[in-house]
Amino acid sequence: MVDIEPHYAWRNIYVSSKDEKSPLFERDYSELDLENKIYDHFIHPQWDHIGSTTLYIKIIFVDYDTQFACIELIGEWNDCINNDIMHFKRNILDDLMFHGINKFALIGENILNFHASDDSYYEEWKEEIEDGWIAIVNFQNHVLREFESENILDYFNWNEDLNFVAWRTYNPEQLQAVLSNLLEIPHWIS
């Protein structure tokens, strides 16, 4: 897992540790010291710790004018034991929403599995973004089924087309446009 780096092609456009509005402002990174791990597997030092021992993130882009943020995730999303959604919501999302972000792209290809608890933080998040959206992109099918079985998928904007977005081939502005267009197509999970 240490070889899985967060997406870095947009670093010439946005770096969360240099964004004064970011909850990760002035965070220091080491390319040599491995500190964070998921269970007994060290992860790349560029992933950001959010308070959970199993879920890490990277805010790879934020545009305050268009109210859009793209966040890549890695690990096990475990609400049952670690209350990961609480850490994510309180330590990252609340700050972004305070600065007007209401459109979120969550990149989930590196989420290994999901364990549910209650849905109150998801419900709160969905209510707080009002006319915005939370697109989940490239999550593995078994994770989507876990979201669906616990009715968590109801809080996200998702359709099957979002699982085939070649998001790395776009710049952030293009990705936001692609996601906005795909969210208008109702191909909901069955």
C-alpha atoms as a PDB file:
ATOM      1  CA  MET A   1       0.000   0.000   0.000  1.00  0.00           C
ATOM      2  CA  VAL A   2       2.958   2.302   0.450  1.00  0.00           C
ATOM      3  CA  ASP A   3       3.241   2.546  -3.341  1.00  0.00           C
ATOM      4  CA  ILE A   4      -0.272   3.959  -3.784  1.00  0.00           C
ATOM      5  CA  GLU A   5       0.179   7.720  -4.013  1.00  0.00           C
ATOM      6  CA  PRO A   6      -2.588  10.282  -4.047  1.00  0.00           C
ATOM      7  CA  HIS A   7      -3.159  11.892  -7.436  1.00  0.00           C
ATOM      8  CA  TYR A   8      -0.496  14.542  -7.954  1.00  0.00           C
ATOM      9  CA  ALA A   9      -1.018  15.780 -11.539  1.00  0.00           C
ATOM     10  CA  TRP A  10      -3.027  18.783 -10.333  1.00  0.00           C
ATOM     11  CA  ARG A  11      -0.425  20.005  -7.817  1.00  0.00           C
ATOM     12  CA  ASN A  12       0.487  22.830 -10.172  1.00  0.00           C
ATOM     13  CA  ILE A  13      -3.110  24.073  -9.722  1.00  0.00           C
ATOM     14  CA  TYR A  14      -3.896  23.252  -6.095  1.00  0.00           C
ATOM     15  CA  VAL A  15      -2.096  22.058  -2.950  1.00  0.00           C
ATOM     16  CA  SER A  16      -4.208  21.745   0.203  1.00  0.00           C
ATOM     17  CA  SER A  17      -1.285  22.411   2.561  1.00  0.00           C
ATOM     18  CA  LYS A  18      -0.797  25.820   0.879  1.00  0.00           C
ATOM     19  CA  ASP A  19      -4.482  26.793   0.891  1.00  0.00           C
ATOM     20  CA  GLU A  20      -5.197  29.044   3.883  1.00  0.00           C
ATOM     21  CA  LYS A  21      -8.850  27.954   3.884  1.00  0.00           C
ATOM     22  CA  SER A  22      -8.005  24.246   3.845  1.00  0.00           C
ATOM     23  CA  PRO A  23      -8.328  22.171   7.015  1.00  0.00           C
ATOM     24  CA  LEU A  24      -4.903  20.785   6.024  1.00  0.00           C
ATOM     25  CA  PHE A  25      -3.180  24.171   5.703  1.00  0.00           C
ATOM     26  CA  GLU A  26       0.526  24.112   6.600  1.00  0.00           C
ATOM     27  CA  ARG A  27       0.587  20.345   7.011  1.00  0.00           C
ATOM     28  CA  ASP A  28       4.125  19.017   6.590  1.00  0.00           C
ATOM     29  CA  TYR A  29       4.934  15.899   4.610  1.00  0.00           C
ATOM     30  CA  SER A  30       7.968  13.676   4.553  1.00  0.00           C
ATOM     31  CA  GLU A  31       8.823  11.482   1.610  1.00  0.00           C
ATOM     32  CA  LEU A  32      11.098   9.361   3.775  1.00  0.00           C
ATOM     33  CA  ASP A  33       9.293   8.789   7.071  1.00  0.00           C
ATOM     34  CA  LEU A  34       6.456   6.299   7.041  1.00  0.00           C
ATOM     35  CA  GLU A  35       4.115   7.047   9.926  1.00  0.00           C
ATOM     36  CA  ASN A  36       0.551   6.343   8.829  1.00  0.00           C
ATOM     37  CA  LYS A  37      -0.698   2.844   8.317  1.00  0.00           C
ATOM     38  CA  ILE A  38      -3.909   0.949   7.789  1.00  0.00           C
ATOM     39  CA  TYR A  39      -3.756  -1.993  10.157  1.00  0.00           C
ATOM     40  CA  ASP A  40      -0.223  -3.324   9.636  1.00  0.00           C
ATOM     41  CA  HIS A  41       0.316  -1.789   6.180  1.00  0.00           C
ATOM     42  CA  PHE A  42       2.166   1.504   5.870  1.00  0.00           C
ATOM     43  CA  ILE A  43       0.719   3.953   3.373  1.00  0.00           C
ATOM     44  CA  HIS A  44       2.387   6.624   1.273  1.00  0.00           C
ATOM     45  CA  PRO A  45       3.295   9.678   3.404  1.00  0.00           C
ATOM     46  CA  GLN A  46       1.313  12.076   1.171  1.00  0.00           C
ATOM     47  CA  TRP A  47      -2.036  10.710   2.436  1.00  0.00           C
ATOM     48  CA  ASP A  48      -3.629  12.848   5.132  1.00  0.00           C
ATOM     49  CA  HIS A  49      -4.612  11.574   8.554  1.00  0.00           C
ATOM     50  CA  ILE A  50      -8.116  12.743   9.529  1.00  0.00           C
ATOM     51  CA  GLY A  51      -8.418  11.172  12.977  1.00  0.00           C
ATOM     52  CA  SER A  52      -9.230   7.651  11.844  1.00  0.00           C
ATOM     53  CA  THR A  53      -6.865   4.695  11.966  1.00  0.00           C
ATOM     54  CA  THR A  54      -8.299   3.136   8.815  1.00  0.00           C
ATOM     55  CA  LEU A  55      -9.418   5.956   6.500  1.00  0.00           C
ATOM     56  CA  TYR A  56      -7.071   8.524   4.973  1.00  0.00           C
ATOM     57  CA  ILE A  57      -7.720  11.210   2.389  1.00  0.00           C
ATOM     58  CA  LYS A  58      -6.134  13.689   0.039  1.00  0.00           C
ATOM     59  CA  ILE A  59      -7.876  16.916  -0.923  1.00  0.00           C
ATOM     60  CA  ILE A  60      -6.587  17.094  -4.470  1.00  0.00           C
ATOM     61  CA  PHE A  61      -8.545  20.130  -5.623  1.00  0.00           C
ATOM     62  CA  VAL A  62     -10.786  22.896  -4.293  1.00  0.00           C
ATOM     63  CA  ASP A  63     -12.358  25.777  -6.211  1.00  0.00           C
ATOM     64  CA  TYR A  64     -14.147  28.195  -3.903  1.00  0.00           C
ATOM     65  CA  ASP A  65     -15.687  30.110  -6.818  1.00  0.00           C
ATOM     66  CA  THR A  66     -17.469  27.065  -8.249  1.00  0.00           C
ATOM     67  CA  GLN A  67     -17.910  25.541  -4.756  1.00  0.00           C
ATOM     68  CA  PHE A  68     -16.255  22.265  -5.804  1.00  0.00           C
ATOM     69  CA  ALA A  69     -13.852  19.925  -4.004  1.00  0.00           C
ATOM     70  CA  CYS A  70     -12.296  16.670  -5.178  1.00  0.00           C
ATOM     71  CA  ILE A  71     -11.136  14.317  -2.431  1.00  0.00           C
ATOM     72  CA  GLU A  72      -9.350  11.004  -2.937  1.00  0.00           C
ATOM     73  CA  LEU A  73      -9.713   8.328  -0.255  1.00  0.00           C
ATOM     74  CA  ILE A  74      -7.777   5.229   0.761  1.00  0.00           C
ATOM     75  CA  GLY A  75      -8.318   2.468   3.286  1.00  0.00           C
ATOM     76  CA  GLU A  76     -11.219   0.875   5.051  1.00  0.00           C
ATOM     77  CA  TRP A  77     -14.232   3.136   5.607  1.00  0.00           C
ATOM     78  CA  ASN A  78     -15.252   1.865   9.020  1.00  0.00           C
ATOM     79  CA  ASP A  79     -18.081   3.735  10.730  1.00  0.00           C
ATOM     80  CA  CYS A  80     -18.852   0.775  12.982  1.00  0.00           C
ATOM     81  CA  ILE A  81     -15.581   0.735  14.935  1.00  0.00           C
ATOM     82  CA  ASN A  82     -13.825   4.019  14.127  1.00  0.00           C
ATOM     83  CA  ASN A  83     -16.769   6.288  13.265  1.00  0.00           C
ATOM     84  CA  ASP A  84     -14.860   7.358  10.155  1.00  0.00           C
ATOM     85  CA  ILE A  85     -17.671   9.512   8.799  1.00  0.00           C
ATOM     86  CA  MET A  86     -17.599  11.561  12.018  1.00  0.00           C
ATOM     87  CA  HIS A  87     -13.847  12.194  11.627  1.00  0.00           C
ATOM     88  CA  PHE A  88     -14.257  12.985   7.926  1.00  0.00           C
ATOM     89  CA  LYS A  89     -17.252  15.264   8.519  1.00  0.00           C
ATOM     90  CA  ARG A  90     -15.922  17.152  11.545  1.00  0.00           C
ATOM     91  CA  ASN A  91     -12.232  17.401  10.605  1.00  0.00           C
ATOM     92  CA  ILE A  92     -12.480  17.996   6.854  1.00  0.00           C
ATOM     93  CA  LEU A  93     -15.940  18.500   5.386  1.00  0.00           C
ATOM     94  CA  ASP A  94     -17.242  21.018   7.929  1.00  0.00           C
ATOM     95  CA  ASP A  95     -14.295  23.331   7.205  1.00  0.00           C
ATOM     96  CA  LEU A  96     -14.784  23.046   3.458  1.00  0.00           C
ATOM     97  CA  MET A  97     -18.526  23.711   3.749  1.00  0.00           C
ATOM     98  CA  PHE A  98     -17.839  26.698   6.017  1.00  0.00           C
ATOM     99  CA  HIS A  99     -15.975  28.190   3.045  1.00  0.00           C
ATOM    100  CA  GLY A 100     -18.877  27.526   0.670  1.00  0.00           C
ATOM    101  CA  ILE A 101     -18.035  24.130  -0.824  1.00  0.00           C
ATOM    102  CA  ASN A 102     -21.230  22.241  -1.664  1.00  0.00           C
ATOM    103  CA  LYS A 103     -20.150  19.984  -4.538  1.00  0.00           C
ATOM    104  CA  PHE A 104     -17.956  17.050  -3.628  1.00  0.00           C
ATOM    105  CA  ALA A 105     -16.295  14.413  -5.775  1.00  0.00           C
ATOM    106  CA  LEU A 106     -15.162  11.488  -3.649  1.00  0.00           C
ATOM    107  CA  ILE A 107     -12.706   9.243  -5.483  1.00  0.00           C
ATOM    108  CA  GLY A 108     -13.021   5.797  -3.957  1.00  0.00           C
ATOM    109  CA  GLU A 109     -11.051   3.326  -6.043  1.00  0.00           C
ATOM    110  CA  ASN A 110      -8.714   2.724  -3.072  1.00  0.00           C
ATOM    111  CA  ILE A 111     -11.490   2.073  -0.542  1.00  0.00           C
ATOM    112  CA  LEU A 112     -11.181  -1.569   0.415  1.00  0.00           C
ATOM    113  CA  ASN A 113     -14.521  -2.033   2.178  1.00  0.00           C
ATOM    114  CA  PHE A 114     -17.202  -0.292   4.199  1.00  0.00           C
ATOM    115  CA  HIS A 115     -18.680  -1.029   7.626  1.00  0.00           C
ATOM    116  CA  ALA A 116     -21.765   0.945   8.603  1.00  0.00           C
ATOM    117  CA  SER A 117     -23.060   2.369  11.834  1.00  0.00           C
ATOM    118  CA  ASP A 118     -25.867   4.928  11.951  1.00  0.00           C
ATOM    119  CA  ASP A 119     -26.430   7.406   9.149  1.00  0.00           C
ATOM    120  CA  SER A 120     -26.755  10.679  11.096  1.00  0.00           C
ATOM    121  CA  TYR A 121     -23.515  12.260   9.805  1.00  0.00           C
ATOM    122  CA  TYR A 122     -24.420  11.370   6.217  1.00  0.00           C
ATOM    123  CA  GLU A 123     -27.877  12.852   6.677  1.00  0.00           C
ATOM    124  CA  GLU A 124     -26.387  16.007   8.218  1.00  0.00           C
ATOM    125  CA  TRP A 125     -23.888  16.373   5.369  1.00  0.00           C
ATOM    126  CA  LYS A 126     -26.560  15.932   2.696  1.00  0.00           C
ATOM    127  CA  GLU A 127     -28.836  18.482   4.366  1.00  0.00           C
ATOM    128  CA  GLU A 128     -26.054  21.036   4.756  1.00  0.00           C
ATOM    129  CA  ILE A 129     -25.060  21.088   1.086  1.00  0.00           C
ATOM    130  CA  GLU A 130     -28.620  22.038   0.061  1.00  0.00           C
ATOM    131  CA  ASP A 131     -28.468  22.422  -3.743  1.00  0.00           C
ATOM    132  CA  GLY A 132     -25.028  20.817  -4.020  1.00  0.00           C
ATOM    133  CA  TRP A 133     -24.067  17.190  -4.550  1.00  0.00           C
ATOM    134  CA  ILE A 134     -21.783  14.402  -3.351  1.00  0.00           C
ATOM    135  CA  ALA A 135     -20.634  12.313  -6.300  1.00  0.00           C
ATOM    136  CA  ILE A 136     -18.938   9.027  -5.518  1.00  0.00           C
ATOM    137  CA  VAL A 137     -16.579   8.089  -8.313  1.00  0.00           C
ATOM    138  CA  ASN A 138     -14.919   4.760  -9.125  1.00  0.00           C
ATOM    139  CA  PHE A 139     -15.854   2.937  -5.941  1.00  0.00           C
ATOM    140  CA  GLN A 140     -15.506  -0.826  -6.096  1.00  0.00           C
ATOM    141  CA  ASN A 141     -18.760  -2.707  -6.662  1.00  0.00           C
ATOM    142  CA  HIS A 142     -18.658  -4.551  -3.339  1.00  0.00           C
ATOM    143  CA  VAL A 143     -18.284  -1.216  -1.500  1.00  0.00           C
ATOM    144  CA  LEU A 144     -21.260   0.207  -3.409  1.00  0.00           C
ATOM    145  CA  ARG A 145     -23.293  -2.867  -2.425  1.00  0.00           C
ATOM    146  CA  GLU A 146     -22.279  -2.297   1.209  1.00  0.00           C
ATOM    147  CA  PHE A 147     -23.381   1.358   0.937  1.00  0.00           C
ATOM    148  CA  GLU A 148     -26.640   0.247  -0.644  1.00  0.00           C
ATOM    149  CA  SER A 149     -27.401  -2.482   1.894  1.00  0.00           C
ATOM    150  CA  GLU A 150     -27.076   0.056   4.720  1.00  0.00           C
ATOM    151  CA  ASN A 151     -29.009   2.774   2.826  1.00  0.00           C
ATOM    152  CA  ILE A 152     -25.924   4.992   2.824  1.00  0.00           C
ATOM    153  CA  LEU A 153     -26.009   5.221  -0.970  1.00  0.00           C
ATOM    154  CA  ASP A 154     -29.168   7.332  -0.543  1.00  0.00           C
ATOM    155  CA  TYR A 155     -27.033  10.224   0.714  1.00  0.00           C
ATOM    156  CA  PHE A 156     -24.715  10.250  -2.287  1.00  0.00           C
ATOM    157  CA  ASN A 157     -25.288  11.171  -5.901  1.00  0.00           C
ATOM    158  CA  TRP A 158     -24.377   8.099  -7.830  1.00  0.00           C
ATOM    159  CA  ASN A 159     -25.113   6.340 -11.058  1.00  0.00           C
ATOM    160  CA  GLU A 160     -23.334   3.520 -12.833  1.00  0.00           C
ATOM    161  CA  ASP A 161     -21.632   5.880 -15.280  1.00  0.00           C
ATOM    162  CA  LEU A 162     -19.732   7.469 -12.385  1.00  0.00           C
ATOM    163  CA  ASN A 163     -17.906   4.189 -11.863  1.00  0.00           C
ATOM    164  CA  PHE A 164     -16.274   4.454 -15.265  1.00  0.00           C
ATOM    165  CA  VAL A 165     -15.042   8.043 -15.179  1.00  0.00           C
ATOM    166  CA  ALA A 166     -11.420   8.272 -16.286  1.00  0.00           C
ATOM    167  CA  TRP A 167     -11.043  11.204 -13.908  1.00  0.00           C
ATOM    168  CA  ARG A 168      -7.237  11.382 -14.108  1.00  0.00           C
ATOM    169  CA  THR A 169      -7.492  12.327 -17.791  1.00  0.00           C
ATOM    170  CA  TYR A 170      -9.337  15.555 -17.003  1.00  0.00           C
ATOM    171  CA  ASN A 171      -8.295  18.788 -15.422  1.00  0.00           C
ATOM    172  CA  PRO A 172     -10.411  19.731 -12.369  1.00  0.00           C
ATOM    173  CA  GLU A 173     -12.709  22.063 -14.302  1.00  0.00           C
ATOM    174  CA  GLN A 174     -13.407  19.369 -16.894  1.00  0.00           C
ATOM    175  CA  LEU A 175     -14.013  16.773 -14.187  1.00  0.00           C
ATOM    176  CA  GLN A 176     -16.560  18.988 -12.473  1.00  0.00           C
ATOM    177  CA  ALA A 177     -18.383  19.451 -15.794  1.00  0.00           C
ATOM    178  CA  VAL A 178     -18.325  15.715 -16.553  1.00  0.00           C
ATOM    179  CA  LEU A 179     -19.684  14.866 -13.108  1.00  0.00           C
ATOM    180  CA  SER A 180     -22.392  17.524 -13.309  1.00  0.00           C
ATOM    181  CA  ASN A 181     -23.522  16.115 -16.662  1.00  0.00           C
ATOM    182  CA  LEU A 182     -23.453  12.505 -15.479  1.00  0.00           C
ATOM    183  CA  LEU A 183     -25.445  13.309 -12.365  1.00  0.00           C
ATOM    184  CA  GLU A 184     -28.344  14.419 -14.554  1.00  0.00           C
ATOM    185  CA  ILE A 185     -28.635  10.880 -15.987  1.00  0.00           C
ATOM    186  CA  PRO A 186     -30.730   8.698 -13.614  1.00  0.00           C
ATOM    187  CA  HIS A 187     -29.057   5.272 -13.939  1.00  0.00           C
ATOM    188  CA  TRP A 188     -29.416   4.388 -10.275  1.00  0.00           C
ATOM    189  CA  ILE A 189     -27.956   1.194  -8.813  1.00  0.00           C
ATOM    190  CA  SER A 190     -30.232  -1.819  -8.924  1.00  0.00           C
END
